[in-house]
């Protein structure tokens, strides 16, 4: 359509010139302006009517890359020990084989191998040195020696204890430990010290402190009336300590103990049951687990000097 309109315009513009003077050529001065105007108008028409369309198409390009390979990773660590650990880990996409070799001392080494679906091979080596010095000092407590022989009365026959007006009884239900204990029985009689056990102690140090202890229990009926009864400890006949039989639970052992400094390197140790009067009493008393152990040095204290006196420390 645009091409036909152009021809029509040009034909219409040239037709009057041909009709007016068919035998004469057209003057350039009259034709040029017309042609120029027409050409200019046509150019404007073309410029105005002509449209350009731009079509833009975006194409998405997808690419798929499939890689099928095997990856081999090997890590080597060298140590001087004797441990070897091997672990294999499997997942959905790859298989990992882990091999670890450890030899311990100052240096260590480890070898790790990984297998996957990639064809890349890696080799890694790691060396390390580990030095650790640990110093531990342990101070053990000195061994405690019980100077009492046959302290639990389990040795049979008994050769270490002298038992007077009493007996060593085999009765696990009444012993504080083991199967045997010493039993004193006073049945409606007076108890003036005849019920006792004794043993000779040797080689003690007079500059040391010692602890004497034993387990004691009241069994059955206990009737002392108005008199007080005691369990007493003696060193060569000299009283070390006495414990009043009071505030006890029948058939239950309690611990009796005393700390003292011996007066003799060798002495006779005695434990006895005694009441203060000759009144008749009923008592059943058991003794078990006797011990005599060293607990330390004797602490010597110097009393302060009296006014006007000179102390030894002044020299």
Protein backbone atom coordinates (compact mmCIF):
# COMPACT_ATOMS: atom_id res chain seq x y z
CA UNK A 1 0.00 0.00 0.00
CA UNK A 2 2.67 2.46 0.76
CA UNK A 3 4.35 1.75 -2.59
CA UNK A 4 1.11 2.47 -4.65
CA UNK A 5 0.54 5.76 -2.86
CA UNK A 6 4.04 6.88 -3.77
CA UNK A 7 3.51 6.19 -7.47
CA UNK A 8 0.18 7.99 -7.44
CA UNK A 9 1.66 11.08 -5.88
CA UNK A 10 4.52 11.21 -8.37
CA UNK A 11 2.16 10.69 -11.30
CA UNK A 12 -0.19 13.40 -10.17
CA UNK A 13 2.66 15.84 -9.76
CA UNK A 14 4.10 15.22 -13.23
CA UNK A 15 0.83 15.05 -15.16
CA UNK A 16 0.18 18.84 -15.50
CA UNK A 17 3.62 19.44 -16.88
CA UNK A 18 3.16 16.87 -19.64
CA UNK A 19 -0.27 18.18 -20.54
CA UNK A 20 0.72 21.80 -20.84
CA UNK A 21 3.62 21.44 -23.22
CA UNK A 22 3.96 18.10 -24.81
CA UNK A 23 6.50 19.29 -27.36
CA UNK A 24 8.68 21.31 -24.97
CA UNK A 25 10.98 20.06 -22.29
CA UNK A 26 10.23 21.06 -18.75
CA UNK A 27 12.14 23.89 -17.27
CA UNK A 28 14.43 22.89 -14.52
CA UNK A 29 13.56 25.91 -12.44
CA UNK A 30 9.88 25.01 -12.22
CA UNK A 31 10.29 21.30 -11.81
CA UNK A 32 12.96 21.15 -9.20
CA UNK A 33 11.03 22.91 -6.47
CA UNK A 34 7.99 20.70 -7.06
CA UNK A 35 10.01 17.55 -7.18
CA UNK A 36 11.97 18.66 -4.21
CA UNK A 37 8.84 19.38 -2.27
CA UNK A 38 7.28 16.12 -3.23
CA UNK A 39 10.37 14.18 -2.43
CA UNK A 40 10.61 15.93 0.88
CA UNK A 41 7.00 15.24 1.67
CA UNK A 42 7.39 11.63 0.69
CA UNK A 43 10.42 11.34 2.81
CA UNK A 44 8.50 12.76 5.69
CA UNK A 45 5.63 10.41 4.94
CA UNK A 46 7.94 7.45 4.89
CA UNK A 47 9.63 8.62 7.99
CA UNK A 48 6.31 9.15 9.73
CA UNK A 49 4.42 6.08 8.55
CA UNK A 50 7.21 3.56 8.72
CA UNK A 51 7.48 1.70 12.03
CA UNK A 52 10.02 -0.78 13.12
CA UNK A 53 9.21 -3.60 15.50
CA UNK A 54 11.77 -5.33 17.57
CA UNK A 55 11.19 -8.86 18.71
CA UNK A 56 13.32 -10.03 21.61
CA UNK A 57 13.44 -13.70 22.44
CA UNK A 58 15.20 -14.98 25.54
CA UNK A 59 16.25 -18.53 25.35
CA UNK A 60 17.12 -20.40 28.48
CA UNK A 61 19.93 -22.78 27.95
CA UNK A 62 20.17 -25.69 30.29
CA UNK A 63 23.05 -27.94 30.30
CA UNK A 64 23.47 -31.19 32.13
CA UNK A 65 26.87 -32.42 32.98
CA UNK A 66 27.35 -35.94 34.11
CA UNK A 67 30.62 -36.83 35.62
CA UNK A 68 31.54 -40.34 36.38
CA UNK A 69 34.88 -40.58 38.02
CA UNK A 70 36.78 -42.10 40.86
CA UNK A 71 38.54 -40.05 43.51
CA UNK A 72 41.35 -41.52 45.51
CA UNK A 73 42.58 -39.59 48.50
CA UNK A 74 45.43 -40.98 50.52
CA UNK A 75 46.73 -39.27 53.62
CA UNK A 76 49.83 -40.64 55.28
CA UNK A 77 50.85 -39.81 58.84
CA UNK A 78 53.90 -41.53 60.23
CA UNK A 79 54.15 -42.28 63.98
CA UNK A 80 56.14 -44.62 66.18
CA UNK A 81 53.41 -46.46 68.16
CA UNK A 82 51.66 -49.78 67.75
CA UNK A 83 48.04 -48.78 67.21
CA UNK A 84 46.25 -49.33 63.90
CA UNK A 85 42.64 -48.24 63.39
CA UNK A 86 40.72 -48.93 60.18
CA UNK A 87 37.28 -47.46 59.56
CA UNK A 88 35.03 -47.61 56.46
CA UNK A 89 32.25 -45.06 55.93
CA UNK A 90 29.57 -45.53 53.26
CA UNK A 91 27.05 -42.92 52.05
CA UNK A 92 24.39 -42.83 49.32
CA UNK A 93 26.65 -41.08 46.79
CA UNK A 94 30.09 -42.41 47.53
CA UNK A 95 32.12 -44.97 49.47
CA UNK A 96 34.84 -43.77 51.81
CA UNK A 97 37.52 -46.14 53.06
CA UNK A 98 39.50 -44.77 55.95
CA UNK A 99 42.70 -46.45 57.01
CA UNK A 100 44.63 -45.03 59.91
CA UNK A 101 47.99 -46.28 61.07
CA UNK A 102 49.38 -44.83 64.30
CA UNK A 103 52.72 -45.66 65.89
CA UNK A 104 53.19 -43.56 69.01
CA UNK A 105 56.24 -42.05 70.53
CA UNK A 106 57.37 -38.52 69.63
CA UNK A 107 56.18 -38.48 66.01
CA UNK A 108 52.99 -39.89 64.59
CA UNK A 109 51.68 -40.65 61.14
CA UNK A 110 48.24 -41.38 59.72
CA UNK A 111 47.18 -42.80 56.34
CA UNK A 112 43.69 -41.99 55.10
CA UNK A 113 42.21 -43.29 51.83
CA UNK A 114 38.94 -41.95 50.37
CA UNK A 115 37.16 -43.62 47.41
CA UNK A 116 34.42 -41.68 45.58
CA UNK A 117 32.86 -41.38 42.10
CA UNK A 118 35.46 -38.91 40.83
CA UNK A 119 38.61 -39.80 38.94
CA UNK A 120 40.71 -37.25 40.76
CA UNK A 121 43.49 -38.70 42.89
CA UNK A 122 44.77 -36.83 45.92
CA UNK A 123 47.63 -37.76 48.18
CA UNK A 124 48.17 -35.88 51.43
CA UNK A 125 50.85 -36.49 54.00
CA UNK A 126 50.76 -34.92 57.45
CA UNK A 127 53.63 -35.19 59.90
CA UNK A 128 53.41 -34.02 63.46
CA UNK A 129 55.49 -34.31 66.57
CA UNK A 130 53.88 -34.51 69.98
CA UNK A 131 55.96 -34.30 73.14
CA UNK A 132 54.30 -34.26 76.53
CA UNK A 133 56.11 -34.62 79.83
CA UNK A 134 53.99 -35.39 82.87
CA UNK A 135 55.50 -35.69 86.31
CA UNK A 136 53.34 -37.14 89.05
CA UNK A 137 54.45 -37.33 92.63
CA UNK A 138 52.54 -39.65 94.92
CA UNK A 139 53.16 -39.60 98.63
CA UNK A 140 51.88 -42.70 100.30
CA UNK A 141 50.78 -42.66 103.89
CA UNK A 142 53.02 -44.73 106.12
CA UNK A 143 51.72 -48.21 106.80
CA UNK A 144 49.99 -48.48 110.14
CA UNK A 145 51.15 -51.44 112.19
CA UNK A 146 48.88 -52.92 114.82
CA UNK A 147 50.99 -54.00 117.77
CA UNK A 148 48.23 -56.32 119.02
CA UNK A 149 48.55 -59.94 117.97
CA UNK A 150 45.40 -61.86 117.12
CA UNK A 151 43.52 -58.60 117.42
CA UNK A 152 40.22 -60.07 116.19
CA UNK A 153 40.52 -63.38 118.13
CA UNK A 154 40.21 -65.39 114.93
CA UNK A 155 43.40 -67.39 115.45
CA UNK A 156 42.57 -70.81 116.79
CA UNK A 157 43.98 -72.05 119.00
CA UNK A 158 44.67 -68.74 120.72
CA UNK A 159 48.26 -68.31 121.90
CA UNK A 160 48.50 -64.51 122.25
CA UNK A 161 45.84 -63.64 124.79
CA UNK A 162 45.44 -64.64 128.40
CA UNK A 163 41.71 -64.80 129.13
CA UNK A 164 40.53 -64.81 132.77
CA UNK A 165 36.94 -65.35 133.84
CA UNK A 166 35.88 -65.09 130.22
CA UNK A 167 36.11 -67.01 126.97
CA UNK A 168 36.67 -66.65 123.26
CA UNK A 169 33.33 -67.50 121.66
CA UNK A 170 32.74 -68.70 118.11
CA UNK A 171 29.50 -66.91 117.17
CA UNK A 172 29.36 -64.94 113.94
CA UNK A 173 26.07 -63.29 114.93
CA UNK A 174 27.66 -61.74 118.02
CA UNK A 175 31.19 -60.95 116.76
CA UNK A 176 31.94 -57.40 115.60
CA UNK A 177 33.91 -58.90 112.68
CA UNK A 178 34.77 -62.41 111.64
CA UNK A 179 33.41 -65.29 113.69
CA UNK A 180 34.96 -64.92 117.15
CA UNK A 181 34.98 -62.46 120.05
CA UNK A 182 35.72 -62.39 123.80
CA UNK A 183 32.75 -62.62 126.16
CA UNK A 184 32.53 -61.77 129.88
CA UNK A 185 29.49 -63.05 131.74
CA UNK A 186 28.60 -61.88 135.26
CA UNK A 187 25.31 -63.40 136.36
CA UNK A 188 24.04 -62.00 139.67
CA UNK A 189 27.55 -61.78 141.04
CA UNK A 190 30.01 -59.08 141.95
CA UNK A 191 32.48 -57.88 139.32
CA UNK A 192 35.63 -56.59 140.93
CA UNK A 193 38.09 -56.96 138.05
CA UNK A 194 38.45 -60.69 137.72
CA UNK A 195 36.99 -60.63 134.19
CA UNK A 196 39.92 -59.59 131.99
CA UNK A 197 42.16 -60.33 129.02
CA UNK A 198 45.82 -59.35 128.70
CA UNK A 199 48.71 -59.50 126.24
CA UNK A 200 52.38 -58.51 126.39
CA UNK A 201 53.36 -55.60 124.13
CA UNK A 202 57.04 -55.21 123.16
CA UNK A 203 59.32 -52.66 121.50
CA UNK A 204 57.25 -49.52 121.79
CA UNK A 205 58.94 -46.12 121.65
CA UNK A 206 58.65 -43.90 124.67
CA UNK A 207 58.83 -40.77 122.51
CA UNK A 208 55.76 -41.78 120.51
CA UNK A 209 52.05 -41.49 121.08
CA UNK A 210 49.84 -44.55 120.65
CA UNK A 211 46.13 -45.11 120.24
CA UNK A 212 44.42 -48.01 121.95
CA UNK A 213 40.96 -48.90 120.67
CA UNK A 214 38.52 -51.80 120.72
CA UNK A 215 34.88 -52.63 119.96
CA UNK A 216 32.61 -53.40 122.90
CA UNK A 217 28.95 -54.34 123.29
CA UNK A 218 26.48 -55.23 126.03
CA UNK A 219 24.40 -58.33 125.30
CA UNK A 220 21.15 -59.46 126.85
CA UNK A 221 20.09 -58.45 130.35
CA UNK A 222 22.01 -55.58 131.94
CA UNK A 223 21.37 -54.96 135.62
CA UNK A 224 23.90 -53.14 137.79
CA UNK A 225 21.51 -51.70 140.37
CA UNK A 226 22.95 -48.56 141.92
CA UNK A 227 26.59 -49.36 141.22
CA UNK A 228 28.63 -48.11 138.27
CA UNK A 229 30.50 -50.55 136.10
CA UNK A 230 33.40 -49.86 133.73
CA UNK A 231 35.63 -51.37 131.10
CA UNK A 232 39.20 -50.42 132.02
CA UNK A 233 42.58 -50.42 130.21
CA UNK A 234 45.86 -50.93 132.10
CA UNK A 235 49.60 -50.74 131.37
CA UNK A 236 51.49 -52.95 133.81
CA UNK A 237 48.73 -52.44 136.37
CA UNK A 238 48.55 -48.65 135.90
CA UNK A 239 45.24 -47.38 134.66
CA UNK A 240 45.34 -45.82 131.20
CA UNK A 241 41.63 -45.12 130.82
CA UNK A 242 38.20 -46.39 131.91
CA UNK A 243 34.86 -46.19 130.12
CA UNK A 244 31.58 -46.25 132.00
CA UNK A 245 28.97 -48.67 130.70
CA UNK A 246 26.22 -46.17 130.00
CA UNK A 247 24.39 -44.75 126.99
CA UNK A 248 24.79 -47.92 124.97
CA UNK A 249 22.45 -49.91 122.74
CA UNK A 250 22.09 -53.59 123.61
CA UNK A 251 23.64 -55.96 121.08
CA UNK A 252 25.29 -53.08 119.19
CA UNK A 253 29.07 -52.56 119.22
CA UNK A 254 30.60 -49.16 119.87
CA UNK A 255 34.25 -48.08 119.69
CA UNK A 256 36.23 -47.26 122.83
CA UNK A 257 39.60 -45.53 122.37
CA UNK A 258 42.33 -43.58 124.18
CA UNK A 259 45.61 -41.91 123.13
CA UNK A 260 48.56 -42.26 125.49
CA UNK A 261 52.34 -42.40 125.79
CA UNK A 262 53.63 -45.70 127.18
CA UNK A 263 55.85 -45.63 130.23
CA UNK A 264 57.59 -48.88 129.36
CA UNK A 265 59.06 -50.25 126.15
CA UNK A 266 57.60 -53.66 127.03
CA UNK A 267 54.47 -53.91 129.13
CA UNK A 268 51.42 -55.99 129.84
CA UNK A 269 48.22 -54.55 128.34
CA UNK A 270 44.99 -55.54 130.11
CA UNK A 271 41.29 -54.93 129.43
CA UNK A 272 38.93 -55.78 132.26
CA UNK A 273 35.33 -55.45 133.46
CA UNK A 274 34.97 -53.97 136.94
CA UNK A 275 32.20 -52.49 139.08
CA UNK A 276 32.82 -50.05 141.95
CA UNK A 277 31.15 -52.06 144.71
CA UNK A 278 30.71 -55.66 145.62
CA UNK A 279 27.04 -55.47 144.74
CA UNK A 280 25.69 -58.28 142.65
CA UNK A 281 25.23 -57.38 139.00
CA UNK A 282 24.21 -59.07 135.78
CA UNK A 283 26.29 -58.15 132.75
CA UNK A 284 27.25 -59.86 129.50
CA UNK A 285 29.92 -57.87 127.71
CA UNK A 286 31.73 -58.62 124.43
CA UNK A 287 35.11 -57.33 123.16
CA UNK A 288 36.45 -57.57 119.59
CA UNK A 289 38.96 -55.94 117.20
CA UNK A 290 41.58 -54.62 119.63
CA UNK A 291 44.29 -52.36 118.17
CA UNK A 292 47.32 -50.42 119.37
CA UNK A 293 48.91 -48.18 116.74
CA UNK A 294 51.48 -45.38 116.69
CA UNK A 295 49.98 -41.97 115.91
CA UNK A 296 52.96 -39.59 116.14
CA UNK A 297 55.67 -38.02 118.23
CA UNK A 298 55.22 -36.83 121.76
CA UNK A 299 54.71 -33.07 121.84
CA UNK A 300 56.94 -31.57 124.52
CA UNK A 301 55.84 -28.22 125.86
CA UNK A 302 57.91 -26.04 128.18
CA UNK A 303 55.87 -24.34 130.87
CA UNK A 304 56.38 -20.58 131.17
CA UNK A 305 59.01 -19.50 133.72
CA UNK A 306 57.74 -18.02 136.93
CA UNK A 307 58.55 -14.44 137.79
CA UNK A 308 62.15 -14.14 138.94
CA UNK A 309 63.17 -17.51 137.44
CA UNK A 310 65.43 -18.00 134.44
CA UNK A 311 64.18 -20.28 131.71
CA UNK A 312 66.46 -22.71 129.89
CA UNK A 313 65.64 -20.84 126.70
CA UNK A 314 67.39 -17.75 128.09
CA UNK A 315 70.82 -19.36 127.83
